[in-house]
Amino acid sequence: MLKGRGAFAQAMVTLLIVSDSDLASTIQGDALLARGGWMEMDTVEGYRVWKHKLKGVWLWWFGKRLLMEDELDTRFASETGEDVHEVIFLSRHFAASGIPSLTLHVIGVPGEQPHGEKAEHGGIKGEVMLPNPRFASWYRLMCEAAHRRALVPEFELTIETTHHGPCLSVPTMFIEIGSSETHWGRVDAAEVWADVMQIGLGLDGSYGIGNWDSISTEERTVATVMLGIGGGHYAPRHTDVLRKTNCWAGHQLANYALTMHKPEGDTWDPDTGRLPDGPWEHAIRVSVESTRRAFPGGLVMAHLDRKSFKGWQRRVIKRLLHELAVPVGRTSDFE
């Protein structure tokens, strides 16, 4: 097998990770490898690896489940000598509804406490990972591919709010087939994601889509990056912004990550009184910081699911965002 080390190492690497114990993950990996253009390399941690001939894209066929496996980016880099720039996990999605779906999301555990403890589904409570800048554009690519392959209306096309691990040091996201074992093995769904990866990473010979590093400093200053705040796990109002605009997107925070406790007393004023207790403030602060780091030079703007909050909650959230110099926009502001 070809060596993945030495003088021919790529300067920047996109790392795709498949979990061998996850049917929806392996079927996506199979669909992508079947399109050709891959060279098998040395194993990493004993698991098979391929590199694409046209781009600095590597595929690691990892032998374990992924959520509790921290620092896979640095572990891969230490064995290969490659500079991992971003990680994309190919995965299944489970939902009790059992509705077939294609979904994607960035990761972290922003609303759980106590901070610093290991979370049940990976990650560290109170921490978020850098969001992958491809998130928004790949959602739109996914929608195009799913319509082209006639998965709609059978499949729902969604994003999810930020949740679960693992912990990594580079921008990361999950792309998923859901929502039950009945759907995880769907070849047509896997082909949709293979389309997205091939076009989105430029494996078809194009430049690719969703690479923040590809736009100029001037373009960044007018590029809006949506930080979604509020709503349910599938963030329908934030998703609507992604559908209707060409904005970028960072973390999306559901109401369950924004618990706050209203201070007692009739004299408390949400505009001037002490901020409510609860994990909401920390969740917003770390998500703003992480999104800004992932989109240097970009305009991070919040989109609130207003109807999911009480009036006093909206006011304290806007107050905190003002302190953080994050404007609040409506759909037209993200165009």
C-alpha atoms as a PDB file:
ATOM      1  CA  MET A   1       0.000   0.000   0.000  1.00  0.00           C
ATOM      2  CA  LEU A   2       1.058   3.603  -0.576  1.00  0.00           C
ATOM      3  CA  LYS A   3       2.663   5.481   2.230  1.00  0.00           C
ATOM      4  CA  GLY A   4       0.845   8.463   3.727  1.00  0.00           C
ATOM      5  CA  ARG A   5       3.922  10.115   5.238  1.00  0.00           C
ATOM      6  CA  GLY A   6       6.946  12.160   4.300  1.00  0.00           C
ATOM      7  CA  ALA A   7       7.622  14.814   1.694  1.00  0.00           C
ATOM      8  CA  PHE A   8       4.378  14.253  -0.191  1.00  0.00           C
ATOM      9  CA  ALA A   9       2.114  15.032   2.775  1.00  0.00           C
ATOM     10  CA  GLN A  10      -0.723  17.454   2.017  1.00  0.00           C
ATOM     11  CA  ALA A  11      -0.601  20.902   3.614  1.00  0.00           C
ATOM     12  CA  MET A  12      -4.290  20.828   4.635  1.00  0.00           C
ATOM     13  CA  VAL A  13      -6.479  17.767   4.960  1.00  0.00           C
ATOM     14  CA  THR A  14     -10.213  17.131   5.054  1.00  0.00           C
ATOM     15  CA  LEU A  15     -10.744  13.967   7.080  1.00  0.00           C
ATOM     16  CA  LEU A  16     -13.893  11.909   6.521  1.00  0.00           C
ATOM     17  CA  ILE A  17     -14.504   9.333   9.260  1.00  0.00           C
ATOM     18  CA  VAL A  18     -16.659   6.215   8.917  1.00  0.00           C
ATOM     19  CA  SER A  19     -17.656   4.052  11.868  1.00  0.00           C
ATOM     20  CA  ASP A  20     -17.537   0.365  10.958  1.00  0.00           C
ATOM     21  CA  SER A  21     -20.205  -0.422  13.573  1.00  0.00           C
ATOM     22  CA  ASP A  22     -22.698   2.021  12.024  1.00  0.00           C
ATOM     23  CA  LEU A  23     -24.609   0.816   8.949  1.00  0.00           C
ATOM     24  CA  ALA A  24     -25.620   4.307   7.847  1.00  0.00           C
ATOM     25  CA  SER A  25     -21.978   5.362   8.103  1.00  0.00           C
ATOM     26  CA  THR A  26     -20.529   2.433   6.162  1.00  0.00           C
ATOM     27  CA  ILE A  27     -23.108   2.699   3.406  1.00  0.00           C
ATOM     28  CA  GLN A  28     -22.137   6.334   2.876  1.00  0.00           C
ATOM     29  CA  GLY A  29     -18.466   5.353   2.810  1.00  0.00           C
ATOM     30  CA  ASP A  30     -19.150   2.572   0.303  1.00  0.00           C
ATOM     31  CA  ALA A  31     -21.077   4.949  -1.977  1.00  0.00           C
ATOM     32  CA  LEU A  32     -18.254   7.481  -1.976  1.00  0.00           C
ATOM     33  CA  LEU A  33     -15.448   4.952  -2.532  1.00  0.00           C
ATOM     34  CA  ALA A  34     -17.406   3.390  -5.404  1.00  0.00           C
ATOM     35  CA  ARG A  35     -17.085   6.629  -7.355  1.00  0.00           C
ATOM     36  CA  GLY A  36     -13.377   6.019  -7.770  1.00  0.00           C
ATOM     37  CA  GLY A  37     -10.320   8.201  -7.473  1.00  0.00           C
ATOM     38  CA  TRP A  38      -9.137   6.743  -4.166  1.00  0.00           C
ATOM     39  CA  MET A  39      -5.750   5.259  -3.198  1.00  0.00           C
ATOM     40  CA  GLU A  40      -5.449   2.993  -0.194  1.00  0.00           C
ATOM     41  CA  MET A  41      -2.829   4.155   2.289  1.00  0.00           C
ATOM     42  CA  ASP A  42      -1.207   2.775   5.433  1.00  0.00           C
ATOM     43  CA  THR A  43      -3.602   1.913   8.218  1.00  0.00           C
ATOM     44  CA  VAL A  44      -4.045   4.344  11.132  1.00  0.00           C
ATOM     45  CA  GLU A  45      -4.556   2.771  14.567  1.00  0.00           C
ATOM     46  CA  GLY A  46      -5.010  -0.470  12.649  1.00  0.00           C
ATOM     47  CA  TYR A  47      -7.944   0.788  10.552  1.00  0.00           C
ATOM     48  CA  ARG A  48      -8.051   1.224   6.771  1.00  0.00           C
ATOM     49  CA  VAL A  49      -7.436   4.608   5.164  1.00  0.00           C
ATOM     50  CA  TRP A  50      -7.876   6.008   1.667  1.00  0.00           C
ATOM     51  CA  LYS A  51      -6.705   9.267   0.090  1.00  0.00           C
ATOM     52  CA  HIS A  52      -8.311  10.920  -2.924  1.00  0.00           C
ATOM     53  CA  LYS A  53      -6.114  11.431  -5.987  1.00  0.00           C
ATOM     54  CA  LEU A  54      -7.393  14.935  -6.801  1.00  0.00           C
ATOM     55  CA  LYS A  55      -7.777  16.568  -3.401  1.00  0.00           C
ATOM     56  CA  GLY A  56      -6.380  16.518   0.116  1.00  0.00           C
ATOM     57  CA  VAL A  57      -9.325  14.414   1.269  1.00  0.00           C
ATOM     58  CA  TRP A  58      -8.763  11.293   3.362  1.00  0.00           C
ATOM     59  CA  LEU A  59     -11.276   8.666   4.467  1.00  0.00           C
ATOM     60  CA  TRP A  60     -10.617   6.765   7.700  1.00  0.00           C
ATOM     61  CA  TRP A  61     -12.660   3.588   8.197  1.00  0.00           C
ATOM     62  CA  PHE A  62     -12.642   3.636  11.979  1.00  0.00           C
ATOM     63  CA  GLY A  63     -13.406   0.392  13.761  1.00  0.00           C
ATOM     64  CA  LYS A  64     -15.359   1.716  16.738  1.00  0.00           C
ATOM     65  CA  ARG A  65     -18.315   3.950  17.530  1.00  0.00           C
ATOM     66  CA  LEU A  66     -17.421   7.611  17.307  1.00  0.00           C
ATOM     67  CA  LEU A  67     -19.130   9.698  19.985  1.00  0.00           C
ATOM     68  CA  MET A  68     -16.739   8.843  22.823  1.00  0.00           C
ATOM     69  CA  GLU A  69     -13.556   8.847  20.702  1.00  0.00           C
ATOM     70  CA  ASP A  70     -11.960  12.220  21.415  1.00  0.00           C
ATOM     71  CA  GLU A  71      -9.175  13.941  19.433  1.00  0.00           C
ATOM     72  CA  LEU A  72      -9.489  11.771  16.350  1.00  0.00           C
ATOM     73  CA  ASP A  73      -8.067  14.660  14.323  1.00  0.00           C
ATOM     74  CA  THR A  74      -4.833  14.832  16.295  1.00  0.00           C
ATOM     75  CA  ARG A  75      -4.597  11.058  16.549  1.00  0.00           C
ATOM     76  CA  PHE A  76      -4.816  10.771  12.760  1.00  0.00           C
ATOM     77  CA  ALA A  77      -2.321  13.595  12.286  1.00  0.00           C
ATOM     78  CA  SER A  78       0.216  12.081  14.675  1.00  0.00           C
ATOM     79  CA  GLU A  79       0.356   8.829  12.701  1.00  0.00           C
ATOM     80  CA  THR A  80       0.263  10.294   9.191  1.00  0.00           C
ATOM     81  CA  GLY A  81       2.057  13.615   9.530  1.00  0.00           C
ATOM     82  CA  GLU A  82      -0.889  15.288   7.818  1.00  0.00           C
ATOM     83  CA  ASP A  83      -2.332  18.633   8.917  1.00  0.00           C
ATOM     84  CA  VAL A  84      -6.010  17.890   9.500  1.00  0.00           C
ATOM     85  CA  HIS A  85      -7.972  21.038   8.695  1.00  0.00           C
ATOM     86  CA  GLU A  86     -11.549  19.769   9.216  1.00  0.00           C
ATOM     87  CA  VAL A  87     -13.398  16.573  10.123  1.00  0.00           C
ATOM     88  CA  ILE A  88     -16.698  15.288   8.745  1.00  0.00           C
ATOM     89  CA  PHE A  89     -18.307  12.258  10.380  1.00  0.00           C
ATOM     90  CA  LEU A  90     -20.533   9.965   8.292  1.00  0.00           C
ATOM     91  CA  SER A  91     -23.207   8.712  10.652  1.00  0.00           C
ATOM     92  CA  ARG A  92     -26.673   7.416  11.389  1.00  0.00           C
ATOM     93  CA  HIS A  93     -29.428   9.433  12.981  1.00  0.00           C
ATOM     94  CA  PHE A  94     -31.923   7.977  15.434  1.00  0.00           C
ATOM     95  CA  ALA A  95     -35.294   9.502  16.259  1.00  0.00           C
ATOM     96  CA  ALA A  96     -38.199   7.921  18.088  1.00  0.00           C
ATOM     97  CA  SER A  97     -40.527   9.172  15.350  1.00  0.00           C
ATOM     98  CA  GLY A  98     -38.935   6.790  12.866  1.00  0.00           C
ATOM     99  CA  ILE A  99     -39.479   9.322  10.068  1.00  0.00           C
ATOM    100  CA  PRO A 100     -36.919   8.899   7.268  1.00  0.00           C
ATOM    101  CA  SER A 101     -34.585  11.858   7.185  1.00  0.00           C
ATOM    102  CA  LEU A 102     -31.317  13.319   6.046  1.00  0.00           C
ATOM    103  CA  THR A 103     -29.752  15.650   8.571  1.00  0.00           C
ATOM    104  CA  LEU A 104     -26.518  17.338   9.571  1.00  0.00           C
ATOM    105  CA  HIS A 105     -25.239  19.273  12.559  1.00  0.00           C
ATOM    106  CA  VAL A 106     -22.195  20.637  14.327  1.00  0.00           C
ATOM    107  CA  ILE A 107     -21.209  19.337  17.731  1.00  0.00           C
ATOM    108  CA  GLY A 108     -20.776  20.112  21.398  1.00  0.00           C
ATOM    109  CA  VAL A 109     -22.726  19.977  24.647  1.00  0.00           C
ATOM    110  CA  PRO A 110     -23.468  23.645  25.357  1.00  0.00           C
ATOM    111  CA  GLY A 111     -26.380  23.449  27.793  1.00  0.00           C
ATOM    112  CA  GLU A 112     -25.433  20.601  30.120  1.00  0.00           C
ATOM    113  CA  GLN A 113     -24.097  20.869  33.648  1.00  0.00           C
ATOM    114  CA  PRO A 114     -21.954  20.511  35.676  1.00  0.00           C
ATOM    115  CA  HIS A 115     -19.439  22.021  33.299  1.00  0.00           C
ATOM    116  CA  GLY A 116     -16.303  19.998  32.671  1.00  0.00           C
ATOM    117  CA  GLU A 117     -17.826  16.561  33.168  1.00  0.00           C
ATOM    118  CA  LYS A 118     -17.970  13.966  30.420  1.00  0.00           C
ATOM    119  CA  ALA A 119     -21.393  13.998  28.760  1.00  0.00           C
ATOM    120  CA  GLU A 120     -23.488  10.877  28.293  1.00  0.00           C
ATOM    121  CA  HIS A 121     -23.199  10.947  24.508  1.00  0.00           C
ATOM    122  CA  GLY A 122     -19.657  12.239  24.265  1.00  0.00           C
ATOM    123  CA  GLY A 123     -18.131  15.650  24.566  1.00  0.00           C
ATOM    124  CA  ILE A 124     -17.617  17.748  27.680  1.00  0.00           C
ATOM    125  CA  LYS A 125     -20.554  19.428  29.380  1.00  0.00           C
ATOM    126  CA  GLY A 126     -20.511  23.135  28.652  1.00  0.00           C
ATOM    127  CA  GLU A 127     -18.075  22.872  25.731  1.00  0.00           C
ATOM    128  CA  VAL A 128     -18.689  23.209  22.002  1.00  0.00           C
ATOM    129  CA  MET A 129     -16.427  22.266  19.113  1.00  0.00           C
ATOM    130  CA  LEU A 130     -15.581  24.565  16.214  1.00  0.00           C
ATOM    131  CA  PRO A 131     -18.479  24.456  13.739  1.00  0.00           C
ATOM    132  CA  ASN A 132     -17.569  23.300  10.249  1.00  0.00           C
ATOM    133  CA  PRO A 133     -18.073  26.262   7.858  1.00  0.00           C
ATOM    134  CA  ARG A 134     -19.520  23.901   5.232  1.00  0.00           C
ATOM    135  CA  PHE A 135     -22.607  23.321   7.396  1.00  0.00           C
ATOM    136  CA  ALA A 136     -25.014  25.771   5.720  1.00  0.00           C
ATOM    137  CA  SER A 137     -23.951  25.281   2.117  1.00  0.00           C
ATOM    138  CA  TRP A 138     -23.967  21.509   2.503  1.00  0.00           C
ATOM    139  CA  TYR A 139     -27.495  21.649   3.853  1.00  0.00           C
ATOM    140  CA  ARG A 140     -28.500  23.354   0.614  1.00  0.00           C
ATOM    141  CA  LEU A 141     -26.483  20.839  -1.419  1.00  0.00           C
ATOM    142  CA  MET A 142     -28.220  18.013   0.449  1.00  0.00           C
ATOM    143  CA  CYS A 143     -31.634  19.443  -0.416  1.00  0.00           C
ATOM    144  CA  GLU A 144     -30.705  19.736  -4.097  1.00  0.00           C
ATOM    145  CA  ALA A 145     -29.354  16.191  -4.238  1.00  0.00           C
ATOM    146  CA  ALA A 146     -32.323  14.721  -2.354  1.00  0.00           C
ATOM    147  CA  HIS A 147     -34.787  16.329  -4.775  1.00  0.00           C
ATOM    148  CA  ARG A 148     -32.710  15.250  -7.761  1.00  0.00           C
ATOM    149  CA  ARG A 149     -32.746  11.645  -6.527  1.00  0.00           C
ATOM    150  CA  ALA A 150     -36.480  11.808  -5.670  1.00  0.00           C
ATOM    151  CA  LEU A 151     -36.125  11.178  -1.924  1.00  0.00           C
ATOM    152  CA  VAL A 152     -38.595  13.976  -1.271  1.00  0.00           C
ATOM    153  CA  PRO A 153     -41.297  13.927   0.069  1.00  0.00           C
ATOM    154  CA  GLU A 154     -40.504  10.569   1.687  1.00  0.00           C
ATOM    155  CA  PHE A 155     -37.448  11.958   3.495  1.00  0.00           C
ATOM    156  CA  GLU A 156     -37.411  15.013   5.714  1.00  0.00           C
ATOM    157  CA  LEU A 157     -34.438  17.305   5.087  1.00  0.00           C
ATOM    158  CA  THR A 158     -33.332  18.879   8.333  1.00  0.00           C
ATOM    159  CA  ILE A 159     -30.555  20.342  10.384  1.00  0.00           C
ATOM    160  CA  GLU A 160     -30.137  19.642  14.078  1.00  0.00           C
ATOM    161  CA  THR A 161     -29.055  21.873  16.896  1.00  0.00           C
ATOM    162  CA  THR A 162     -25.619  21.454  18.464  1.00  0.00           C
ATOM    163  CA  HIS A 163     -25.388  18.268  20.488  1.00  0.00           C
ATOM    164  CA  HIS A 164     -23.111  15.362  21.545  1.00  0.00           C
ATOM    165  CA  GLY A 165     -19.406  14.585  21.132  1.00  0.00           C
ATOM    166  CA  PRO A 166     -16.689  13.752  20.484  1.00  0.00           C
ATOM    167  CA  CYS A 167     -14.124  16.458  21.302  1.00  0.00           C
ATOM    168  CA  LEU A 168     -11.846  17.651  18.507  1.00  0.00           C
ATOM    169  CA  SER A 169      -9.618  20.639  17.820  1.00  0.00           C
ATOM    170  CA  VAL A 170     -10.715  21.455  14.265  1.00  0.00           C
ATOM    171  CA  PRO A 171     -14.046  22.427  12.630  1.00  0.00           C
ATOM    172  CA  THR A 172     -16.343  19.422  12.628  1.00  0.00           C
ATOM    173  CA  MET A 173     -19.818  18.263  11.616  1.00  0.00           C
ATOM    174  CA  PHE A 174     -21.905  15.108  11.267  1.00  0.00           C
ATOM    175  CA  ILE A 175     -23.817  14.138   8.112  1.00  0.00           C
ATOM    176  CA  GLU A 176     -26.504  11.541   8.796  1.00  0.00           C
ATOM    177  CA  ILE A 177     -29.126   9.147   7.483  1.00  0.00           C
ATOM    178  CA  GLY A 178     -32.126   8.601   9.754  1.00  0.00           C
ATOM    179  CA  SER A 179     -34.180   7.818  11.535  1.00  0.00           C
ATOM    180  CA  SER A 180     -34.300   4.067  12.226  1.00  0.00           C
ATOM    181  CA  GLU A 181     -32.689   0.794  11.206  1.00  0.00           C
ATOM    182  CA  THR A 182     -35.212   0.599   8.372  1.00  0.00           C
ATOM    183  CA  HIS A 183     -33.575   3.625   6.740  1.00  0.00           C
ATOM    184  CA  TRP A 184     -29.892   3.333   7.710  1.00  0.00           C
ATOM    185  CA  GLY A 185     -29.172   0.912   4.895  1.00  0.00           C
ATOM    186  CA  ARG A 186     -30.873   2.942   2.167  1.00  0.00           C
ATOM    187  CA  VAL A 187     -28.509   3.078  -0.798  1.00  0.00           C
ATOM    188  CA  ASP A 188     -30.413   5.973  -2.385  1.00  0.00           C
ATOM    189  CA  ALA A 189     -29.915   8.058   0.761  1.00  0.00           C
ATOM    190  CA  ALA A 190     -26.221   7.187   0.792  1.00  0.00           C
ATOM    191  CA  GLU A 191     -25.942   8.288  -2.839  1.00  0.00           C
ATOM    192  CA  VAL A 192     -27.359  11.685  -1.877  1.00  0.00           C
ATOM    193  CA  TRP A 193     -24.584  12.167   0.661  1.00  0.00           C
ATOM    194  CA  ALA A 194     -22.008  10.854  -1.825  1.00  0.00           C
ATOM    195  CA  ASP A 195     -23.221  13.537  -4.252  1.00  0.00           C
ATOM    196  CA  VAL A 196     -22.820  16.170  -1.544  1.00  0.00           C
ATOM    197  CA  MET A 197     -19.303  15.044  -0.613  1.00  0.00           C
ATOM    198  CA  GLN A 198     -18.178  14.747  -4.220  1.00  0.00           C
ATOM    199  CA  ILE A 199     -19.421  18.222  -5.174  1.00  0.00           C
ATOM    200  CA  GLY A 200     -18.814  19.866  -1.811  1.00  0.00           C
ATOM    201  CA  LEU A 201     -15.182  18.711  -1.570  1.00  0.00           C
ATOM    202  CA  GLY A 202     -14.413  19.120  -5.271  1.00  0.00           C
ATOM    203  CA  LEU A 203     -13.790  15.412  -5.826  1.00  0.00           C
ATOM    204  CA  ASP A 204     -15.399  15.897  -9.254  1.00  0.00           C
ATOM    205  CA  GLY A 205     -12.580  18.240 -10.253  1.00  0.00           C
ATOM    206  CA  SER A 206     -14.329  21.438  -9.133  1.00  0.00           C
ATOM    207  CA  TYR A 207     -13.115  23.723  -6.365  1.00  0.00           C
ATOM    208  CA  GLY A 208     -15.685  22.553  -3.816  1.00  0.00           C
ATOM    209  CA  ILE A 209     -18.348  24.370  -1.816  1.00  0.00           C
ATOM    210  CA  GLY A 210     -18.388  25.827   1.684  1.00  0.00           C
ATOM    211  CA  ASN A 211     -14.689  26.482   2.220  1.00  0.00           C
ATOM    212  CA  TRP A 212     -14.387  29.672   4.294  1.00  0.00           C
ATOM    213  CA  ASP A 213     -10.688  29.920   3.425  1.00  0.00           C
ATOM    214  CA  SER A 214     -11.612  30.320  -0.241  1.00  0.00           C
ATOM    215  CA  ILE A 215     -13.205  33.751   0.157  1.00  0.00           C
ATOM    216  CA  SER A 216     -11.303  37.035   0.359  1.00  0.00           C
ATOM    217  CA  THR A 217     -10.932  39.294   3.372  1.00  0.00           C
ATOM    218  CA  GLU A 218     -13.313  41.767   1.753  1.00  0.00           C
ATOM    219  CA  GLU A 219     -15.919  39.071   1.109  1.00  0.00           C
ATOM    220  CA  ARG A 220     -15.709  37.906   4.714  1.00  0.00           C
ATOM    221  CA  THR A 221     -16.631  41.296   6.114  1.00  0.00           C
ATOM    222  CA  VAL A 222     -20.046  41.130   4.406  1.00  0.00           C
ATOM    223  CA  ALA A 223     -20.617  37.377   4.818  1.00  0.00           C
ATOM    224  CA  THR A 224     -23.280  36.771   7.465  1.00  0.00           C
ATOM    225  CA  VAL A 225     -22.840  33.781   9.769  1.00  0.00           C
ATOM    226  CA  MET A 226     -26.041  32.677  11.470  1.00  0.00           C
ATOM    227  CA  LEU A 227     -25.990  31.748  15.151  1.00  0.00           C
ATOM    228  CA  GLY A 228     -29.380  30.124  15.752  1.00  0.00           C
ATOM    229  CA  ILE A 229     -30.915  30.657  19.190  1.00  0.00           C
ATOM    230  CA  GLY A 230     -34.065  28.934  20.397  1.00  0.00           C
ATOM    231  CA  GLY A 231     -36.647  26.475  19.146  1.00  0.00           C
ATOM    232  CA  GLY A 232     -36.683  22.703  19.076  1.00  0.00           C
ATOM    233  CA  HIS A 233     -34.013  20.168  18.231  1.00  0.00           C
ATOM    234  CA  TYR A 234     -34.611  20.359  14.463  1.00  0.00           C
ATOM    235  CA  ALA A 235     -34.603  24.170  14.423  1.00  0.00           C
ATOM    236  CA  PRO A 236     -37.260  24.715  11.726  1.00  0.00           C
ATOM    237  CA  ARG A 237     -37.097  28.528  11.829  1.00  0.00           C
ATOM    238  CA  HIS A 238     -33.307  28.582  11.556  1.00  0.00           C
ATOM    239  CA  THR A 239     -33.500  25.978   8.795  1.00  0.00           C
ATOM    240  CA  ASP A 240     -35.856  28.278   6.928  1.00  0.00           C
ATOM    241  CA  VAL A 241     -33.163  30.959   6.918  1.00  0.00           C
ATOM    242  CA  LEU A 242     -30.682  28.490   5.424  1.00  0.00           C
ATOM    243  CA  ARG A 243     -33.164  27.563   2.693  1.00  0.00           C
ATOM    244  CA  LYS A 244     -34.024  31.129   1.750  1.00  0.00           C
ATOM    245  CA  THR A 245     -30.572  32.737   1.901  1.00  0.00           C
ATOM    246  CA  ASN A 246     -26.953  31.976   1.109  1.00  0.00           C
ATOM    247  CA  CYS A 247     -25.724  32.681   4.626  1.00  0.00           C
ATOM    248  CA  TRP A 248     -23.120  30.668   6.474  1.00  0.00           C
ATOM    249  CA  ALA A 249     -23.991  29.056   9.807  1.00  0.00           C
ATOM    250  CA  GLY A 250     -22.337  28.235  13.102  1.00  0.00           C
ATOM    251  CA  HIS A 251     -23.863  26.798  16.264  1.00  0.00           C
ATOM    252  CA  GLN A 252     -27.611  26.326  16.614  1.00  0.00           C
ATOM    253  CA  LEU A 253     -28.904  26.284  20.193  1.00  0.00           C
ATOM    254  CA  ALA A 254     -32.198  24.643  21.107  1.00  0.00           C
ATOM    255  CA  ASN A 255     -34.292  25.813  24.054  1.00  0.00           C
ATOM    256  CA  TYR A 256     -33.190  22.791  26.043  1.00  0.00           C
ATOM    257  CA  ALA A 257     -29.631  24.222  26.014  1.00  0.00           C
ATOM    258  CA  LEU A 258     -30.867  27.652  27.183  1.00  0.00           C
ATOM    259  CA  THR A 259     -32.513  27.001  30.541  1.00  0.00           C
ATOM    260  CA  MET A 260     -32.819  30.160  32.617  1.00  0.00           C
ATOM    261  CA  HIS A 261     -34.463  30.927  35.970  1.00  0.00           C
ATOM    262  CA  LYS A 262     -36.295  34.222  36.308  1.00  0.00           C
ATOM    263  CA  PRO A 263     -35.121  36.213  39.334  1.00  0.00           C
ATOM    264  CA  GLU A 264     -37.730  36.641  42.041  1.00  0.00           C
ATOM    265  CA  GLY A 265     -39.272  39.973  42.911  1.00  0.00           C
ATOM    266  CA  ASP A 266     -41.605  42.379  41.183  1.00  0.00           C
ATOM    267  CA  THR A 267     -38.896  44.987  40.741  1.00  0.00           C
ATOM    268  CA  TRP A 268     -36.598  42.843  38.607  1.00  0.00           C
ATOM    269  CA  ASP A 269     -36.077  44.369  35.158  1.00  0.00           C
ATOM    270  CA  PRO A 270     -34.780  42.099  32.337  1.00  0.00           C
ATOM    271  CA  ASP A 271     -33.046  45.103  30.761  1.00  0.00           C
ATOM    272  CA  THR A 272     -31.142  46.286  33.826  1.00  0.00           C
ATOM    273  CA  GLY A 273     -31.397  43.677  36.585  1.00  0.00           C
ATOM    274  CA  ARG A 274     -28.999  40.834  37.190  1.00  0.00           C
ATOM    275  CA  LEU A 275     -28.969  38.182  34.499  1.00  0.00           C
ATOM    276  CA  PRO A 276     -31.007  35.035  35.229  1.00  0.00           C
ATOM    277  CA  ASP A 277     -29.249  31.962  36.572  1.00  0.00           C
ATOM    278  CA  GLY A 278     -28.960  28.837  34.460  1.00  0.00           C
ATOM    279  CA  PRO A 279     -26.732  27.466  31.701  1.00  0.00           C
ATOM    280  CA  TRP A 280     -28.179  29.727  28.975  1.00  0.00           C
ATOM    281  CA  GLU A 281     -25.600  32.513  29.359  1.00  0.00           C
ATOM    282  CA  HIS A 282     -22.594  30.211  29.210  1.00  0.00           C
ATOM    283  CA  ALA A 283     -24.078  28.313  26.249  1.00  0.00           C
ATOM    284  CA  ILE A 284     -24.466  31.512  24.238  1.00  0.00           C
ATOM    285  CA  ARG A 285     -21.044  32.863  25.196  1.00  0.00           C
ATOM    286  CA  VAL A 286     -19.115  29.723  24.199  1.00  0.00           C
ATOM    287  CA  SER A 287     -21.149  29.330  21.003  1.00  0.00           C
ATOM    288  CA  VAL A 288     -20.461  32.917  19.936  1.00  0.00           C
ATOM    289  CA  GLU A 289     -16.753  32.505  20.647  1.00  0.00           C
ATOM    290  CA  SER A 290     -16.542  29.172  18.814  1.00  0.00           C
ATOM    291  CA  THR A 291     -18.464  30.435  15.790  1.00  0.00           C
ATOM    292  CA  ARG A 292     -16.243  33.510  15.527  1.00  0.00           C
ATOM    293  CA  ARG A 293     -13.134  31.340  15.644  1.00  0.00           C
ATOM    294  CA  ALA A 294     -14.479  29.156  12.842  1.00  0.00           C
ATOM    295  CA  PHE A 295     -15.325  32.203  10.688  1.00  0.00           C
ATOM    296  CA  PRO A 296     -12.495  34.710  11.215  1.00  0.00           C
ATOM    297  CA  GLY A 297     -13.418  38.088   9.803  1.00  0.00           C
ATOM    298  CA  GLY A 298     -17.073  37.162   9.296  1.00  0.00           C
ATOM    299  CA  LEU A 299     -20.164  38.899  10.659  1.00  0.00           C
ATOM    300  CA  VAL A 300     -21.724  36.608  13.260  1.00  0.00           C
ATOM    301  CA  MET A 301     -25.415  37.491  13.565  1.00  0.00           C
ATOM    302  CA  ALA A 302     -28.001  35.832  15.799  1.00  0.00           C
ATOM    303  CA  HIS A 303     -31.343  34.557  14.562  1.00  0.00           C
ATOM    304  CA  LEU A 304     -33.882  34.125  17.377  1.00  0.00           C
ATOM    305  CA  ASP A 305     -36.814  31.763  17.312  1.00  0.00           C
ATOM    306  CA  ARG A 306     -38.841  34.491  18.980  1.00  0.00           C
ATOM    307  CA  LYS A 307     -41.994  32.487  19.547  1.00  0.00           C
ATOM    308  CA  SER A 308     -40.117  29.896  21.595  1.00  0.00           C
ATOM    309  CA  PHE A 309     -39.297  32.429  24.317  1.00  0.00           C
ATOM    310  CA  LYS A 310     -41.268  34.499  26.784  1.00  0.00           C
ATOM    311  CA  GLY A 311     -40.890  38.242  26.460  1.00  0.00           C
ATOM    312  CA  TRP A 312     -38.509  38.616  29.396  1.00  0.00           C
ATOM    313  CA  GLN A 313     -36.353  35.787  28.035  1.00  0.00           C
ATOM    314  CA  ARG A 314     -36.020  37.469  24.642  1.00  0.00           C
ATOM    315  CA  ARG A 315     -35.005  40.687  26.369  1.00  0.00           C
ATOM    316  CA  VAL A 316     -32.220  39.139  28.457  1.00  0.00           C
ATOM    317  CA  ILE A 317     -30.916  37.180  25.461  1.00  0.00           C
ATOM    318  CA  LYS A 318     -30.804  40.341  23.348  1.00  0.00           C
ATOM    319  CA  ARG A 319     -29.101  42.126  26.227  1.00  0.00           C
ATOM    320  CA  LEU A 320     -26.368  39.498  26.383  1.00  0.00           C
ATOM    321  CA  LEU A 321     -25.956  39.501  22.601  1.00  0.00           C
ATOM    322  CA  HIS A 322     -25.598  43.290  22.669  1.00  0.00           C
ATOM    323  CA  GLU A 323     -22.837  42.912  25.264  1.00  0.00           C
ATOM    324  CA  LEU A 324     -21.121  40.403  22.961  1.00  0.00           C
ATOM    325  CA  ALA A 325     -21.525  42.739  19.943  1.00  0.00           C
ATOM    326  CA  VAL A 326     -23.692  40.192  18.127  1.00  0.00           C
ATOM    327  CA  PRO A 327     -26.519  41.815  16.133  1.00  0.00           C
ATOM    328  CA  VAL A 328     -29.901  40.114  15.919  1.00  0.00           C
ATOM    329  CA  GLY A 329     -31.358  39.695  12.443  1.00  0.00           C
ATOM    330  CA  ARG A 330     -34.444  38.490  10.635  1.00  0.00           C
ATOM    331  CA  THR A 331     -34.399  36.337   7.500  1.00  0.00           C
ATOM    332  CA  SER A 332     -33.854  39.253   5.108  1.00  0.00           C
ATOM    333  CA  ASP A 333     -30.767  40.346   7.048  1.00  0.00           C
ATOM    334  CA  PHE A 334     -28.994  37.090   6.169  1.00  0.00           C
ATOM    335  CA  GLU A 335     -29.425  37.385   2.404  1.00  0.00           C
END
